[in-house]
Amino acid sequence: MKKLNELQAGNVGKVQSIGGDVHFQSRITSIGLTPGSIVEIVQNKRKRPLLIYSRDSLIAINRKDAELIEMKGN
């Protein structure tokens, strides 16, 4: 398993687990990222937020938060 911030642009994976505190988990699940959801990495450039596509939405996630999301590659 890899962390979300370790995937390259064009990779597709499934959210395996979400770490962090309860506030972070609530915030990230409210935007549709839940365990089992499919995510495509649109952009992953250093020192920039990650752009991901999931559930018909383009989402920007900061790098620190992306480290808390464990992914399973397809």
Protein backbone atom coordinates (compact mmCIF):
# COMPACT_ATOMS: atom_id res chain seq x y z
CA MET A 1 0.00 0.00 0.00
CA LYS A 2 1.08 3.55 -0.70
CA LYS A 3 0.06 6.90 0.65
CA LEU A 4 -1.97 9.16 -1.62
CA ASN A 5 0.88 11.65 -1.98
CA GLU A 6 3.19 8.88 -3.30
CA LEU A 7 1.10 8.15 -6.41
CA GLN A 8 1.99 9.73 -9.74
CA ALA A 9 -0.30 11.58 -12.15
CA GLY A 10 -2.41 9.14 -14.15
CA ASN A 11 -2.43 6.45 -11.43
CA VAL A 12 -5.75 5.09 -10.25
CA GLY A 13 -6.23 3.55 -6.83
CA LYS A 14 -8.73 2.71 -4.14
CA VAL A 15 -8.81 4.40 -0.73
CA GLN A 16 -7.83 1.71 1.77
CA SER A 17 -7.90 3.69 5.02
CA ILE A 18 -7.94 7.25 6.33
CA GLY A 19 -5.74 8.18 9.28
CA GLY A 20 -5.59 11.34 11.35
CA ASP A 21 -7.86 12.66 14.04
CA VAL A 22 -11.66 12.53 14.05
CA HIS A 23 -11.92 16.12 12.73
CA PHE A 24 -9.76 15.27 9.68
CA GLN A 25 -11.63 12.03 9.00
CA SER A 26 -14.97 13.86 9.18
CA ARG A 27 -13.75 16.60 6.85
CA ILE A 28 -12.26 14.25 4.26
CA THR A 29 -15.26 11.91 4.21
CA SER A 30 -17.64 14.87 3.82
CA ILE A 31 -16.04 15.64 0.44
CA GLY A 32 -16.61 12.06 -0.70
CA LEU A 33 -13.31 10.33 0.04
CA THR A 34 -14.27 7.20 1.91
CA PRO A 35 -12.60 3.80 2.17
CA GLY A 36 -13.35 1.91 -1.04
CA SER A 37 -13.75 4.97 -3.26
CA ILE A 38 -11.78 5.04 -6.53
CA VAL A 39 -9.36 7.95 -7.01
CA GLU A 40 -7.44 9.10 -10.09
CA ILE A 41 -4.39 11.30 -9.57
CA VAL A 42 -4.67 14.27 -11.95
CA GLN A 43 -1.63 16.24 -10.74
CA ASN A 44 1.09 15.55 -8.19
CA LYS A 45 3.80 18.21 -8.36
CA ARG A 46 6.22 18.95 -5.55
CA LYS A 47 5.23 21.73 -3.17
CA ARG A 48 1.75 21.94 -4.73
CA PRO A 49 -1.55 20.44 -3.60
CA LEU A 50 -2.55 17.13 -5.18
CA LEU A 51 -5.37 17.26 -7.67
CA ILE A 52 -7.48 14.12 -7.67
CA TYR A 53 -10.64 13.04 -9.45
CA SER A 54 -13.14 10.99 -7.49
CA ARG A 55 -16.91 10.55 -7.64
CA ASP A 56 -17.29 13.02 -10.54
CA SER A 57 -15.43 15.77 -8.66
CA LEU A 58 -12.01 17.37 -9.01
CA ILE A 59 -10.56 17.80 -5.51
CA ALA A 60 -7.40 19.57 -4.29
CA ILE A 61 -5.79 18.04 -1.21
CA ASN A 62 -2.76 19.49 0.54
CA ARG A 63 0.30 17.27 0.79
CA LYS A 64 0.16 16.92 4.59
CA ASP A 65 -3.41 15.61 4.44
CA ALA A 66 -2.58 13.29 1.52
CA GLU A 67 0.00 11.54 3.73
CA LEU A 68 -2.84 10.37 6.00
CA ILE A 69 -4.70 8.53 3.22
CA GLU A 70 -3.58 4.94 2.47
CA MET A 71 -4.21 3.74 -1.07
CA LYS A 72 -4.32 0.37 -2.77
CA GLY A 73 -3.32 0.36 -6.46
CA ASN A 74 -5.56 -1.17 -9.11
